């Protein structure tokens, strides 16, 4: 299973990476299973999308395995509606998914966050 790699990449770099990938596909190259890449335009955008409490929820889901939102809220001693909002955002970002029983799980072997950028870049 692949990893989820979260990072910071500007649109120019993303476009360049996609163009290179498209050239490989057009040339008939068989591509291996790829990691899931989730990129943000700036460190500020990354930290807004994944604040510490949301990352804590993600780590807990990965550690305990499939879990209901209610059980996750109890485990983290947090309000259900706040955990529900965090889980919905993690679903939107593709970092978690629901299993066949409706429980939340992390489908990745690992989730890596790469923050290598200037904090002076506008959000």
PDB file of N, CA and C in Angstrom:
ATOM      1  N   UNK A   1       0.852  -1.181   0.000  1.00  0.00           N
ATOM      2  CA  UNK A   1       0.000   0.000   0.000  1.00  0.00           C
ATOM      3  C   UNK A   1       0.893   1.238   0.000  1.00  0.00           C
ATOM      4  N   UNK A   2       0.414   2.289  -0.545  1.00  0.00           N
ATOM      5  CA  UNK A   2       1.174   3.519  -0.724  1.00  0.00           C
ATOM      6  C   UNK A   2       1.127   4.414   0.509  1.00  0.00           C
ATOM      7  N   UNK A   3       1.924   5.448   0.443  1.00  0.00           N
ATOM      8  CA  UNK A   3       1.958   6.465   1.493  1.00  0.00           C
ATOM      9  C   UNK A   3       1.169   7.680   1.027  1.00  0.00           C
ATOM     10  N   UNK A   4       0.720   8.471   1.985  1.00  0.00           N
ATOM     11  CA  UNK A   4       0.188   9.803   1.697  1.00  0.00           C
ATOM     12  C   UNK A   4       1.314  10.772   2.029  1.00  0.00           C
ATOM     13  N   UNK A   5       1.675  11.591   1.057  1.00  0.00           N
ATOM     14  CA  UNK A   5       2.742  12.567   1.254  1.00  0.00           C
ATOM     15  C   UNK A   5       2.130  13.953   1.141  1.00  0.00           C
ATOM     16  N   UNK A   6       2.217  14.695   2.232  1.00  0.00           N
ATOM     17  CA  UNK A   6       1.644  16.038   2.307  1.00  0.00           C
ATOM     18  C   UNK A   6       2.788  17.028   2.221  1.00  0.00           C
ATOM     19  N   UNK A   7       2.640  18.019   1.357  1.00  0.00           N
ATOM     20  CA  UNK A   7       3.728  18.973   1.209  1.00  0.00           C
ATOM     21  C   UNK A   7       3.278  20.318   0.691  1.00  0.00           C
ATOM     22  N   UNK A   8       4.273  21.100   0.334  1.00  0.00           N
ATOM     23  CA  UNK A   8       4.050  22.454  -0.161  1.00  0.00           C
ATOM     24  C   UNK A   8       4.663  22.542  -1.552  1.00  0.00           C
ATOM     25  N   UNK A   9       3.842  22.841  -2.540  1.00  0.00           N
ATOM     26  CA  UNK A   9       4.307  22.974  -3.913  1.00  0.00           C
ATOM     27  C   UNK A   9       3.509  24.078  -4.585  1.00  0.00           C
ATOM     28  N   UNK A  10       4.211  24.960  -5.263  1.00  0.00           N
ATOM     29  CA  UNK A  10       3.483  26.011  -5.979  1.00  0.00           C
ATOM     30  C   UNK A  10       2.912  25.444  -7.283  1.00  0.00           C
ATOM     31  N   UNK A  11       2.018  26.195  -7.893  1.00  0.00           N
ATOM     32  CA  UNK A  11       1.313  25.722  -9.078  1.00  0.00           C
ATOM     33  C   UNK A  11       2.274  25.453 -10.235  1.00  0.00           C
ATOM     34  N   UNK A  12       3.317  26.256 -10.376  1.00  0.00           N
ATOM     35  CA  UNK A  12       4.281  26.057 -11.457  1.00  0.00           C
ATOM     36  C   UNK A  12       4.937  24.684 -11.347  1.00  0.00           C
ATOM     37  N   UNK A  13       5.349  24.319 -10.156  1.00  0.00           N
ATOM     38  CA  UNK A  13       5.980  23.011  -9.948  1.00  0.00           C
ATOM     39  C   UNK A  13       4.982  21.883 -10.163  1.00  0.00           C
ATOM     40  N   UNK A  14       3.767  22.048  -9.672  1.00  0.00           N
ATOM     41  CA  UNK A  14       2.735  21.024  -9.857  1.00  0.00           C
ATOM     42  C   UNK A  14       2.460  20.812 -11.340  1.00  0.00           C
ATOM     43  N   UNK A  15       2.310  21.896 -12.083  1.00  0.00           N
ATOM     44  CA  UNK A  15       2.043  21.812 -13.524  1.00  0.00           C
ATOM     45  C   UNK A  15       3.199  21.105 -14.242  1.00  0.00           C
ATOM     46  N   UNK A  16       4.426  21.423 -13.862  1.00  0.00           N
ATOM     47  CA  UNK A  16       5.601  20.788 -14.461  1.00  0.00           C
ATOM     48  C   UNK A  16       5.621  19.283 -14.177  1.00  0.00           C
ATOM     49  N   UNK A  17       5.321  18.909 -12.936  1.00  0.00           N
ATOM     50  CA  UNK A  17       5.277  17.489 -12.569  1.00  0.00           C
ATOM     51  C   UNK A  17       4.198  16.739 -13.351  1.00  0.00           C
ATOM     52  N   UNK A  18       3.027  17.369 -13.506  1.00  0.00           N
ATOM     53  CA  UNK A  18       1.935  16.729 -14.243  1.00  0.00           C
ATOM     54  C   UNK A  18       2.275  16.585 -15.717  1.00  0.00           C
ATOM     55  N   UNK A  19       2.939  17.588 -16.295  1.00  0.00           N
ATOM     56  CA  UNK A  19       3.335  17.521 -17.702  1.00  0.00           C
ATOM     57  C   UNK A  19       4.328  16.378 -17.924  1.00  0.00           C
ATOM     58  N   UNK A  20       5.280  16.225 -17.008  1.00  0.00           N
ATOM     59  CA  UNK A  20       6.256  15.137 -17.121  1.00  0.00           C
ATOM     60  C   UNK A  20       5.564  13.781 -17.011  1.00  0.00           C
ATOM     61  N   UNK A  21       4.608  13.671 -16.118  1.00  0.00           N
ATOM     62  CA  UNK A  21       3.858  12.429 -15.956  1.00  0.00           C
ATOM     63  C   UNK A  21       3.051  12.125 -17.216  1.00  0.00           C
ATOM     64  N   UNK A  22       2.410  13.146 -17.781  1.00  0.00           N
ATOM     65  CA  UNK A  22       1.622  12.966 -19.005  1.00  0.00           C
ATOM     66  C   UNK A  22       2.509  12.499 -20.159  1.00  0.00           C
ATOM     67  N   UNK A  23       3.721  13.032 -20.265  1.00  0.00           N
ATOM     68  CA  UNK A  23       4.645  12.604 -21.322  1.00  0.00           C
ATOM     69  C   UNK A  23       4.995  11.121 -21.159  1.00  0.00           C
ATOM     70  N   UNK A  24       5.182  10.682 -19.929  1.00  0.00           N
ATOM     71  CA  UNK A  24       5.500   9.273 -19.678  1.00  0.00           C
ATOM     72  C   UNK A  24       4.329   8.376 -20.080  1.00  0.00           C
ATOM     73  N   UNK A  25       3.119   8.805 -19.753  1.00  0.00           N
ATOM     74  CA  UNK A  25       1.926   8.030 -20.111  1.00  0.00           C
ATOM     75  C   UNK A  25       1.764   8.007 -21.626  1.00  0.00           C
ATOM     76  N   UNK A  26       1.929   9.167 -22.277  1.00  0.00           N
ATOM     77  CA  UNK A  26       1.811   9.249 -23.737  1.00  0.00           C
ATOM     78  C   UNK A  26       2.838   8.363 -24.440  1.00  0.00           C
ATOM     79  N   UNK A  27       4.000   8.184 -23.819  1.00  0.00           N
ATOM     80  CA  UNK A  27       5.052   7.340 -24.398  1.00  0.00           C
ATOM     81  C   UNK A  27       4.777   5.858 -24.163  1.00  0.00           C
ATOM     82  N   UNK A  28       3.679   5.549 -23.478  1.00  0.00           N
ATOM     83  CA  UNK A  28       3.310   4.162 -23.245  1.00  0.00           C
ATOM     84  C   UNK A  28       3.998   3.523 -22.057  1.00  0.00           C
ATOM     85  N   UNK A  29       4.645   4.330 -21.243  1.00  0.00           N
ATOM     86  CA  UNK A  29       5.336   3.792 -20.075  1.00  0.00           C
ATOM     87  C   UNK A  29       4.317   3.295 -19.051  1.00  0.00           C
ATOM     88  N   UNK A  30       4.563   2.113 -18.523  1.00  0.00           N
ATOM     89  CA  UNK A  30       3.690   1.572 -17.470  1.00  0.00           C
ATOM     90  C   UNK A  30       4.174   2.139 -16.145  1.00  0.00           C
ATOM     91  N   UNK A  31       3.309   2.859 -15.490  1.00  0.00           N
ATOM     92  CA  UNK A  31       3.691   3.532 -14.254  1.00  0.00           C
ATOM     93  C   UNK A  31       3.395   2.653 -13.042  1.00  0.00           C
ATOM     94  N   UNK A  32       4.304   2.632 -12.076  1.00  0.00           N
ATOM     95  CA  UNK A  32       4.061   1.852 -10.861  1.00  0.00           C
ATOM     96  C   UNK A  32       3.008   2.535  -9.988  1.00  0.00           C
ATOM     97  N   UNK A  33       2.498   1.774  -9.015  1.00  0.00           N
ATOM     98  CA  UNK A  33       1.570   2.375  -8.062  1.00  0.00           C
ATOM     99  C   UNK A  33       2.264   3.563  -7.414  1.00  0.00           C
ATOM    100  N   UNK A  34       1.563   4.655  -7.353  1.00  0.00           N
ATOM    101  CA  UNK A  34       2.168   5.888  -6.841  1.00  0.00           C
ATOM    102  C   UNK A  34       1.649   6.213  -5.452  1.00  0.00           C
ATOM    103  N   UNK A  35       2.430   7.004  -4.742  1.00  0.00           N
ATOM    104  CA  UNK A  35       1.989   7.531  -3.462  1.00  0.00           C
ATOM    105  C   UNK A  35       0.931   8.599  -3.709  1.00  0.00           C
ATOM    106  N   UNK A  36       0.101   8.831  -2.713  1.00  0.00           N
ATOM    107  CA  UNK A  36      -0.901   9.891  -2.769  1.00  0.00           C
ATOM    108  C   UNK A  36      -0.221  11.194  -2.378  1.00  0.00           C
ATOM    109  N   UNK A  37      -0.277  12.176  -3.252  1.00  0.00           N
ATOM    110  CA  UNK A  37       0.356  13.469  -3.005  1.00  0.00           C
ATOM    111  C   UNK A  37      -0.732  14.504  -2.703  1.00  0.00           C
ATOM    112  N   UNK A  38      -0.597  15.182  -1.593  1.00  0.00           N
ATOM    113  CA  UNK A  38      -1.511  16.251  -1.205  1.00  0.00           C
ATOM    114  C   UNK A  38      -0.664  17.493  -0.989  1.00  0.00           C
ATOM    115  N   UNK A  39      -0.770  18.441  -1.909  1.00  0.00           N
ATOM    116  CA  UNK A  39       0.076  19.624  -1.848  1.00  0.00           C
ATOM    117  C   UNK A  39      -0.727  20.880  -1.555  1.00  0.00           C
ATOM    118  N   UNK A  40      -0.088  21.771  -0.831  1.00  0.00           N
ATOM    119  CA  UNK A  40      -0.656  23.068  -0.499  1.00  0.00           C
ATOM    120  C   UNK A  40       0.249  24.153  -1.066  1.00  0.00           C
ATOM    121  N   UNK A  41      -0.323  25.326  -1.301  1.00  0.00           N
ATOM    122  CA  UNK A  41       0.422  26.424  -1.916  1.00  0.00           C
ATOM    123  C   UNK A  41       1.405  27.089  -0.963  1.00  0.00           C
ATOM    124  N   UNK A  42       1.187  26.939   0.336  1.00  0.00           N
ATOM    125  CA  UNK A  42       2.065  27.608   1.307  1.00  0.00           C
ATOM    126  C   UNK A  42       2.022  26.858   2.633  1.00  0.00           C
ATOM    127  N   UNK A  43       3.019  27.102   3.486  1.00  0.00           N
ATOM    128  CA  UNK A  43       2.977  26.502   4.825  1.00  0.00           C
ATOM    129  C   UNK A  43       1.728  26.924   5.593  1.00  0.00           C
ATOM    130  N   UNK A  44       1.317  28.164   5.410  1.00  0.00           N
ATOM    131  CA  UNK A  44       0.127  28.666   6.103  1.00  0.00           C
ATOM    132  C   UNK A  44      -1.104  27.864   5.686  1.00  0.00           C
ATOM    133  N   UNK A  45      -1.245  27.612   4.390  1.00  0.00           N
ATOM    134  CA  UNK A  45      -2.397  26.845   3.898  1.00  0.00           C
ATOM    135  C   UNK A  45      -2.381  25.419   4.451  1.00  0.00           C
ATOM    136  N   UNK A  46      -1.197  24.812   4.519  1.00  0.00           N
ATOM    137  CA  UNK A  46      -1.081  23.463   5.072  1.00  0.00           C
ATOM    138  C   UNK A  46      -1.510  23.447   6.537  1.00  0.00           C
ATOM    139  N   UNK A  47      -1.001  24.394   7.305  1.00  0.00           N
ATOM    140  CA  UNK A  47      -1.319  24.431   8.740  1.00  0.00           C
ATOM    141  C   UNK A  47      -2.779  24.787   9.003  1.00  0.00           C
ATOM    142  N   UNK A  48      -3.397  25.547   8.103  1.00  0.00           N
ATOM    143  CA  UNK A  48      -4.831  25.833   8.252  1.00  0.00           C
ATOM    144  C   UNK A  48      -5.663  24.579   7.976  1.00  0.00           C
ATOM    145  N   UNK A  49      -5.250  23.783   6.995  1.00  0.00           N
ATOM    146  CA  UNK A  49      -5.996  22.567   6.648  1.00  0.00           C
ATOM    147  C   UNK A  49      -5.758  21.441   7.652  1.00  0.00           C
ATOM    148  N   UNK A  50      -4.566  21.423   8.250  1.00  0.00           N
ATOM    149  CA  UNK A  50      -4.201  20.336   9.164  1.00  0.00           C
ATOM    150  C   UNK A  50      -3.651  20.881  10.476  1.00  0.00           C
ATOM    151  N   UNK A  51      -4.525  21.503  11.270  1.00  0.00           N
ATOM    152  CA  UNK A  51      -4.071  22.002  12.575  1.00  0.00           C
ATOM    153  C   UNK A  51      -3.741  20.832  13.512  1.00  0.00           C
ATOM    154  N   UNK A  52      -3.070  21.101  14.613  1.00  0.00           N
ATOM    155  CA  UNK A  52      -2.628  20.029  15.524  1.00  0.00           C
ATOM    156  C   UNK A  52      -3.723  19.060  15.964  1.00  0.00           C
ATOM    157  N   UNK A  53      -4.901  19.541  16.296  1.00  0.00           N
ATOM    158  CA  UNK A  53      -5.976  18.638  16.758  1.00  0.00           C
ATOM    159  C   UNK A  53      -6.421  17.689  15.645  1.00  0.00           C
ATOM    160  N   UNK A  54      -6.433  18.180  14.403  1.00  0.00           N
ATOM    161  CA  UNK A  54      -6.818  17.332  13.273  1.00  0.00           C
ATOM    162  C   UNK A  54      -5.747  16.271  13.021  1.00  0.00           C
ATOM    163  N   UNK A  55      -4.486  16.664  13.138  1.00  0.00           N
ATOM    164  CA  UNK A  55      -3.394  15.697  12.992  1.00  0.00           C
ATOM    165  C   UNK A  55      -3.428  14.658  14.108  1.00  0.00           C
ATOM    166  N   UNK A  56      -3.793  15.095  15.313  1.00  0.00           N
ATOM    167  CA  UNK A  56      -3.931  14.157  16.430  1.00  0.00           C
ATOM    168  C   UNK A  56      -5.026  13.128  16.128  1.00  0.00           C
ATOM    169  N   UNK A  57      -6.139  13.592  15.560  1.00  0.00           N
ATOM    170  CA  UNK A  57      -7.220  12.671  15.190  1.00  0.00           C
ATOM    171  C   UNK A  57      -6.738  11.691  14.124  1.00  0.00           C
ATOM    172  N   UNK A  58      -6.004  12.182  13.130  1.00  0.00           N
ATOM    173  CA  UNK A  58      -5.476  11.319  12.074  1.00  0.00           C
ATOM    174  C   UNK A  58      -4.529  10.263  12.647  1.00  0.00           C
ATOM    175  N   UNK A  59      -3.628  10.673  13.526  1.00  0.00           N
ATOM    176  CA  UNK A  59      -2.698   9.726  14.151  1.00  0.00           C
ATOM    177  C   UNK A  59      -3.451   8.674  14.967  1.00  0.00           C
ATOM    178  N   UNK A  60      -4.476   9.106  15.679  1.00  0.00           N
ATOM    179  CA  UNK A  60      -5.251   8.175  16.510  1.00  0.00           C
ATOM    180  C   UNK A  60      -5.993   7.170  15.651  1.00  0.00           C
ATOM    181  N   UNK A  61      -6.608   7.635  14.574  1.00  0.00           N
ATOM    182  CA  UNK A  61      -7.319   6.721  13.669  1.00  0.00           C
ATOM    183  C   UNK A  61      -6.342   5.687  13.115  1.00  0.00           C
ATOM    184  N   UNK A  62      -5.174   6.131  12.721  1.00  0.00           N
ATOM    185  CA  UNK A  62      -4.156   5.210  12.172  1.00  0.00           C
ATOM    186  C   UNK A  62      -3.720   4.193  13.228  1.00  0.00           C
ATOM    187  N   UNK A  63      -3.567   4.663  14.457  1.00  0.00           N
ATOM    188  CA  UNK A  63      -3.085   3.799  15.541  1.00  0.00           C
ATOM    189  C   UNK A  63      -4.117   2.747  15.947  1.00  0.00           C
ATOM    190  N   UNK A  64      -5.385   3.160  16.106  1.00  0.00           N
ATOM    191  CA  UNK A  64      -6.400   2.234  16.623  1.00  0.00           C
ATOM    192  C   UNK A  64      -7.102   1.439  15.530  1.00  0.00           C
ATOM    193  N   UNK A  65      -6.977   1.858  14.291  1.00  0.00           N
ATOM    194  CA  UNK A  65      -7.665   1.169  13.204  1.00  0.00           C
ATOM    195  C   UNK A  65      -9.079   1.691  13.045  1.00  0.00           C
ATOM    196  N   UNK A  66      -9.895   1.017  12.235  1.00  0.00           N
ATOM    197  CA  UNK A  66     -11.246   1.501  11.963  1.00  0.00           C
ATOM    198  C   UNK A  66     -12.003   1.831  13.250  1.00  0.00           C
ATOM    199  N   UNK A  67     -12.619   3.013  13.256  1.00  0.00           N
ATOM    200  CA  UNK A  67     -13.280   3.509  14.460  1.00  0.00           C
ATOM    201  C   UNK A  67     -14.441   4.409  14.050  1.00  0.00           C
ATOM    202  N   UNK A  68     -15.482   4.424  14.855  1.00  0.00           N
ATOM    203  CA  UNK A  68     -16.600   5.334  14.594  1.00  0.00           C
ATOM    204  C   UNK A  68     -16.205   6.742  15.036  1.00  0.00           C
ATOM    205  N   UNK A  69     -16.882   7.720  14.500  1.00  0.00           N
ATOM    206  CA  UNK A  69     -16.604   9.104  14.888  1.00  0.00           C
ATOM    207  C   UNK A  69     -16.919   9.292  16.370  1.00  0.00           C
ATOM    208  N   UNK A  70     -18.000   8.679  16.824  1.00  0.00           N
ATOM    209  CA  UNK A  70     -18.372   8.784  18.237  1.00  0.00           C
ATOM    210  C   UNK A  70     -17.273   8.216  19.135  1.00  0.00           C
ATOM    211  N   UNK A  71     -16.774   7.016  18.789  1.00  0.00           N
ATOM    212  CA  UNK A  71     -15.716   6.387  19.595  1.00  0.00           C
ATOM    213  C   UNK A  71     -14.432   7.214  19.549  1.00  0.00           C
ATOM    214  N   UNK A  72     -14.147   7.814  18.407  1.00  0.00           N
ATOM    215  CA  UNK A  72     -12.962   8.668  18.284  1.00  0.00           C
ATOM    216  C   UNK A  72     -13.093   9.895  19.178  1.00  0.00           C
ATOM    217  N   UNK A  73     -14.272  10.499  19.194  1.00  0.00           N
ATOM    218  CA  UNK A  73     -14.502  11.666  20.058  1.00  0.00           C
ATOM    219  C   UNK A  73     -14.301  11.291  21.523  1.00  0.00           C
ATOM    220  N   UNK A  74     -14.831  10.137  21.924  1.00  0.00           N
ATOM    221  CA  UNK A  74     -14.650   9.687  23.313  1.00  0.00           C
ATOM    222  C   UNK A  74     -13.181   9.425  23.614  1.00  0.00           C
ATOM    223  N   UNK A  75     -12.494   8.762  22.703  1.00  0.00           N
ATOM    224  CA  UNK A  75     -11.084   8.417  22.915  1.00  0.00           C
ATOM    225  C   UNK A  75     -10.228   9.673  23.073  1.00  0.00           C
ATOM    226  N   UNK A  76     -10.535  10.712  22.299  1.00  0.00           N
ATOM    227  CA  UNK A  76      -9.751  11.947  22.341  1.00  0.00           C
ATOM    228  C   UNK A  76     -10.300  12.965  23.341  1.00  0.00           C
ATOM    229  N   UNK A  77     -11.401  12.609  24.019  1.00  0.00           N
ATOM    230  CA  UNK A  77     -12.047  13.519  24.982  1.00  0.00           C
ATOM    231  C   UNK A  77     -12.366  14.863  24.324  1.00  0.00           C
ATOM    232  N   UNK A  78     -12.956  14.773  23.137  1.00  0.00           N
ATOM    233  CA  UNK A  78     -13.323  15.979  22.402  1.00  0.00           C
ATOM    234  C   UNK A  78     -14.805  15.939  22.071  1.00  0.00           C
ATOM    235  N   UNK A  79     -15.351  17.100  21.803  1.00  0.00           N
ATOM    236  CA  UNK A  79     -16.742  17.262  21.430  1.00  0.00           C
ATOM    237  C   UNK A  79     -17.012  16.527  20.111  1.00  0.00           C
ATOM    238  N   UNK A  80     -18.132  15.805  20.050  1.00  0.00           N
ATOM    239  CA  UNK A  80     -18.470  15.033  18.851  1.00  0.00           C
ATOM    240  C   UNK A  80     -18.512  15.907  17.605  1.00  0.00           C
ATOM    241  N   UNK A  81     -19.141  17.071  17.687  1.00  0.00           N
ATOM    242  CA  UNK A  81     -19.284  17.902  16.484  1.00  0.00           C
ATOM    243  C   UNK A  81     -17.933  18.403  15.975  1.00  0.00           C
ATOM    244  N   UNK A  82     -17.002  18.664  16.881  1.00  0.00           N
ATOM    245  CA  UNK A  82     -15.667  19.091  16.453  1.00  0.00           C
ATOM    246  C   UNK A  82     -14.919  17.942  15.770  1.00  0.00           C
ATOM    247  N   UNK A  83     -15.002  16.751  16.350  1.00  0.00           N
ATOM    248  CA  UNK A  83     -14.366  15.581  15.733  1.00  0.00           C
ATOM    249  C   UNK A  83     -15.020  15.278  14.388  1.00  0.00           C
ATOM    250  N   UNK A  84     -16.341  15.385  14.332  1.00  0.00           N
ATOM    251  CA  UNK A  84     -17.051  15.141  13.076  1.00  0.00           C
ATOM    252  C   UNK A  84     -16.548  16.095  11.998  1.00  0.00           C
ATOM    253  N   UNK A  85     -16.401  17.373  12.331  1.00  0.00           N
ATOM    254  CA  UNK A  85     -15.883  18.359  11.367  1.00  0.00           C
ATOM    255  C   UNK A  85     -14.474  17.994  10.914  1.00  0.00           C
ATOM    256  N   UNK A  86     -13.631  17.596  11.862  1.00  0.00           N
ATOM    257  CA  UNK A  86     -12.261  17.209  11.513  1.00  0.00           C
ATOM    258  C   UNK A  86     -12.250  15.991  10.592  1.00  0.00           C
ATOM    259  N   UNK A  87     -13.064  14.993  10.900  1.00  0.00           N
ATOM    260  CA  UNK A  87     -13.112  13.783  10.078  1.00  0.00           C
ATOM    261  C   UNK A  87     -13.639  14.109   8.683  1.00  0.00           C
ATOM    262  N   UNK A  88     -14.648  14.965   8.577  1.00  0.00           N
ATOM    263  CA  UNK A  88     -15.167  15.340   7.263  1.00  0.00           C
ATOM    264  C   UNK A  88     -14.085  16.031   6.433  1.00  0.00           C
ATOM    265  N   UNK A  89     -13.291  16.872   7.066  1.00  0.00           N
ATOM    266  CA  UNK A  89     -12.197  17.549   6.355  1.00  0.00           C
ATOM    267  C   UNK A  89     -11.134  16.537   5.937  1.00  0.00           C
ATOM    268  N   UNK A  90     -10.800  15.589   6.810  1.00  0.00           N
ATOM    269  CA  UNK A  90      -9.828  14.552   6.458  1.00  0.00           C
ATOM    270  C   UNK A  90     -10.341  13.678   5.311  1.00  0.00           C
ATOM    271  N   UNK A  91     -11.646  13.412   5.290  1.00  0.00           N
ATOM    272  CA  UNK A  91     -12.249  12.688   4.164  1.00  0.00           C
ATOM    273  C   UNK A  91     -12.108  13.496   2.882  1.00  0.00           C
ATOM    274  N   UNK A  92     -12.428  14.789   2.948  1.00  0.00           N
ATOM    275  CA  UNK A  92     -12.311  15.668   1.777  1.00  0.00           C
ATOM    276  C   UNK A  92     -10.885  15.700   1.239  1.00  0.00           C
ATOM    277  N   UNK A  93      -9.915  15.656   2.138  1.00  0.00           N
ATOM    278  CA  UNK A  93      -8.507  15.710   1.744  1.00  0.00           C
ATOM    279  C   UNK A  93      -7.975  14.353   1.270  1.00  0.00           C
ATOM    280  N   UNK A  94      -8.764  13.301   1.448  1.00  0.00           N
ATOM    281  CA  UNK A  94      -8.333  11.974   1.016  1.00  0.00           C
ATOM    282  C   UNK A  94      -7.384  11.284   1.978  1.00  0.00           C
ATOM    283  N   UNK A  95      -7.322  11.763   3.212  1.00  0.00           N
ATOM    284  CA  UNK A  95      -6.402  11.176   4.188  1.00  0.00           C
ATOM    285  C   UNK A  95      -7.037  10.047   4.992  1.00  0.00           C
ATOM    286  N   UNK A  96      -8.363  10.004   5.034  1.00  0.00           N
ATOM    287  CA  UNK A  96      -9.087   8.902   5.662  1.00  0.00           C
ATOM    288  C   UNK A  96     -10.213   8.484   4.725  1.00  0.00           C
ATOM    289  N   UNK A  97     -10.769   7.315   4.988  1.00  0.00           N
ATOM    290  CA  UNK A  97     -11.929   6.855   4.233  1.00  0.00           C
ATOM    291  C   UNK A  97     -12.820   6.042   5.159  1.00  0.00           C
ATOM    292  N   UNK A  98     -14.031   5.776   4.698  1.00  0.00           N
ATOM    293  CA  UNK A  98     -14.959   4.951   5.473  1.00  0.00           C
ATOM    294  C   UNK A  98     -14.863   3.518   4.980  1.00  0.00           C
ATOM    295  N   UNK A  99     -14.880   2.576   5.936  1.00  0.00           N
ATOM    296  CA  UNK A  99     -14.873   1.166   5.549  1.00  0.00           C
ATOM    297  C   UNK A  99     -16.307   0.702   5.286  1.00  0.00           C
ATOM    298  N   UNK A 100     -16.471  -0.588   5.007  1.00  0.00           N
ATOM    299  CA  UNK A 100     -17.794  -1.117   4.661  1.00  0.00           C
ATOM    300  C   UNK A 100     -18.798  -1.031   5.805  1.00  0.00           C
ATOM    301  N   UNK A 101     -18.325  -0.795   7.028  1.00  0.00           N
ATOM    302  CA  UNK A 101     -19.211  -0.661   8.188  1.00  0.00           C
ATOM    303  C   UNK A 101     -19.429   0.801   8.574  1.00  0.00           C
ATOM    304  N   UNK A 102     -18.912   1.729   7.765  1.00  0.00           N
ATOM    305  CA  UNK A 102     -19.078   3.150   8.044  1.00  0.00           C
ATOM    306  C   UNK A 102     -18.074   3.715   9.032  1.00  0.00           C
ATOM    307  N   UNK A 103     -17.097   2.889   9.423  1.00  0.00           N
ATOM    308  CA  UNK A 103     -16.071   3.373  10.348  1.00  0.00           C
ATOM    309  C   UNK A 103     -14.972   4.089   9.566  1.00  0.00           C
ATOM    310  N   UNK A 104     -14.296   4.995  10.251  1.00  0.00           N
ATOM    311  CA  UNK A 104     -13.233   5.781   9.638  1.00  0.00           C
ATOM    312  C   UNK A 104     -11.913   5.025   9.773  1.00  0.00           C
ATOM    313  N   UNK A 105     -11.126   5.022   8.701  1.00  0.00           N
ATOM    314  CA  UNK A 105      -9.807   4.387   8.750  1.00  0.00           C
ATOM    315  C   UNK A 105      -8.826   5.164   7.871  1.00  0.00           C
ATOM    316  N   UNK A 106      -7.556   4.941   8.107  1.00  0.00           N
ATOM    317  CA  UNK A 106      -6.498   5.548   7.301  1.00  0.00           C
ATOM    318  C   UNK A 106      -6.050   4.488   6.299  1.00  0.00           C
ATOM    319  N   UNK A 107      -6.230   4.735   4.993  1.00  0.00           N
ATOM    320  CA  UNK A 107      -5.900   3.716   3.998  1.00  0.00           C
ATOM    321  C   UNK A 107      -4.423   3.670   3.610  1.00  0.00           C
ATOM    322  N   UNK A 108      -3.588   4.441   4.282  1.00  0.00           N
ATOM    323  CA  UNK A 108      -2.181   4.562   3.923  1.00  0.00           C
ATOM    324  C   UNK A 108      -1.293   3.830   4.919  1.00  0.00           C
ATOM    325  N   UNK A 109      -0.186   3.283   4.425  1.00  0.00           N
ATOM    326  CA  UNK A 109       0.804   2.673   5.308  1.00  0.00           C
ATOM    327  C   UNK A 109       1.440   3.724   6.199  1.00  0.00           C
ATOM    328  N   UNK A 110       1.602   4.921   5.661  1.00  0.00           N
ATOM    329  CA  UNK A 110       2.216   6.013   6.418  1.00  0.00           C
ATOM    330  C   UNK A 110       1.698   7.328   5.860  1.00  0.00           C
ATOM    331  N   UNK A 111       1.729   8.349   6.682  1.00  0.00           N
ATOM    332  CA  UNK A 111       1.393   9.708   6.255  1.00  0.00           C
ATOM    333  C   UNK A 111       2.602  10.568   6.589  1.00  0.00           C
ATOM    334  N   UNK A 112       3.198  11.149   5.560  1.00  0.00           N
ATOM    335  CA  UNK A 112       4.415  11.939   5.706  1.00  0.00           C
ATOM    336  C   UNK A 112       4.088  13.397   5.426  1.00  0.00           C
ATOM    337  N   UNK A 113       4.526  14.279   6.317  1.00  0.00           N
ATOM    338  CA  UNK A 113       4.340  15.718   6.107  1.00  0.00           C
ATOM    339  C   UNK A 113       5.705  16.328   5.851  1.00  0.00           C
ATOM    340  N   UNK A 114       5.838  16.978   4.699  1.00  0.00           N
ATOM    341  CA  UNK A 114       7.084  17.654   4.332  1.00  0.00           C
ATOM    342  C   UNK A 114       6.830  19.152   4.318  1.00  0.00           C
ATOM    343  N   UNK A 115       7.458  19.844   5.231  1.00  0.00           N
ATOM    344  CA  UNK A 115       7.320  21.300   5.291  1.00  0.00           C
ATOM    345  C   UNK A 115       8.697  21.887   5.031  1.00  0.00           C
ATOM    346  N   UNK A 116       8.899  22.308   3.808  1.00  0.00           N
ATOM    347  CA  UNK A 116      10.168  22.892   3.411  1.00  0.00           C
ATOM    348  C   UNK A 116       9.853  24.114   2.564  1.00  0.00           C
ATOM    349  N   UNK A 117       9.559  25.207   3.229  1.00  0.00           N
ATOM    350  CA  UNK A 117       9.204  26.409   2.502  1.00  0.00           C
ATOM    351  C   UNK A 117       9.311  27.626   3.386  1.00  0.00           C
ATOM    352  N   UNK A 118       9.271  28.746   2.764  1.00  0.00           N
ATOM    353  CA  UNK A 118       9.384  30.003   3.485  1.00  0.00           C
ATOM    354  C   UNK A 118       8.070  30.338   4.176  1.00  0.00           C
ATOM    355  N   UNK A 119       8.158  30.734   5.415  1.00  0.00           N
ATOM    356  CA  UNK A 119       6.966  31.195   6.129  1.00  0.00           C
ATOM    357  C   UNK A 119       6.584  32.598   5.695  1.00  0.00           C
ATOM    358  N   UNK A 120       7.405  33.214   4.876  1.00  0.00           N
ATOM    359  CA  UNK A 120       7.148  34.569   4.417  1.00  0.00           C
ATOM    360  C   UNK A 120       6.289  34.600   3.159  1.00  0.00           C
ATOM    361  N   UNK A 121       5.989  33.440   2.582  1.00  0.00           N
ATOM    362  CA  UNK A 121       5.150  33.368   1.396  1.00  0.00           C
ATOM    363  C   UNK A 121       3.721  33.697   1.792  1.00  0.00           C
ATOM    364  N   UNK A 122       3.059  34.508   0.987  1.00  0.00           N
ATOM    365  CA  UNK A 122       1.671  34.891   1.277  1.00  0.00           C
ATOM    366  C   UNK A 122       0.767  33.674   1.226  1.00  0.00           C
ATOM    367  N   UNK A 123      -0.259  33.688   2.068  1.00  0.00           N
ATOM    368  CA  UNK A 123      -1.207  32.571   2.118  1.00  0.00           C
ATOM    369  C   UNK A 123      -2.087  32.571   0.903  1.00  0.00           C
TER     370      UNK A 123
END
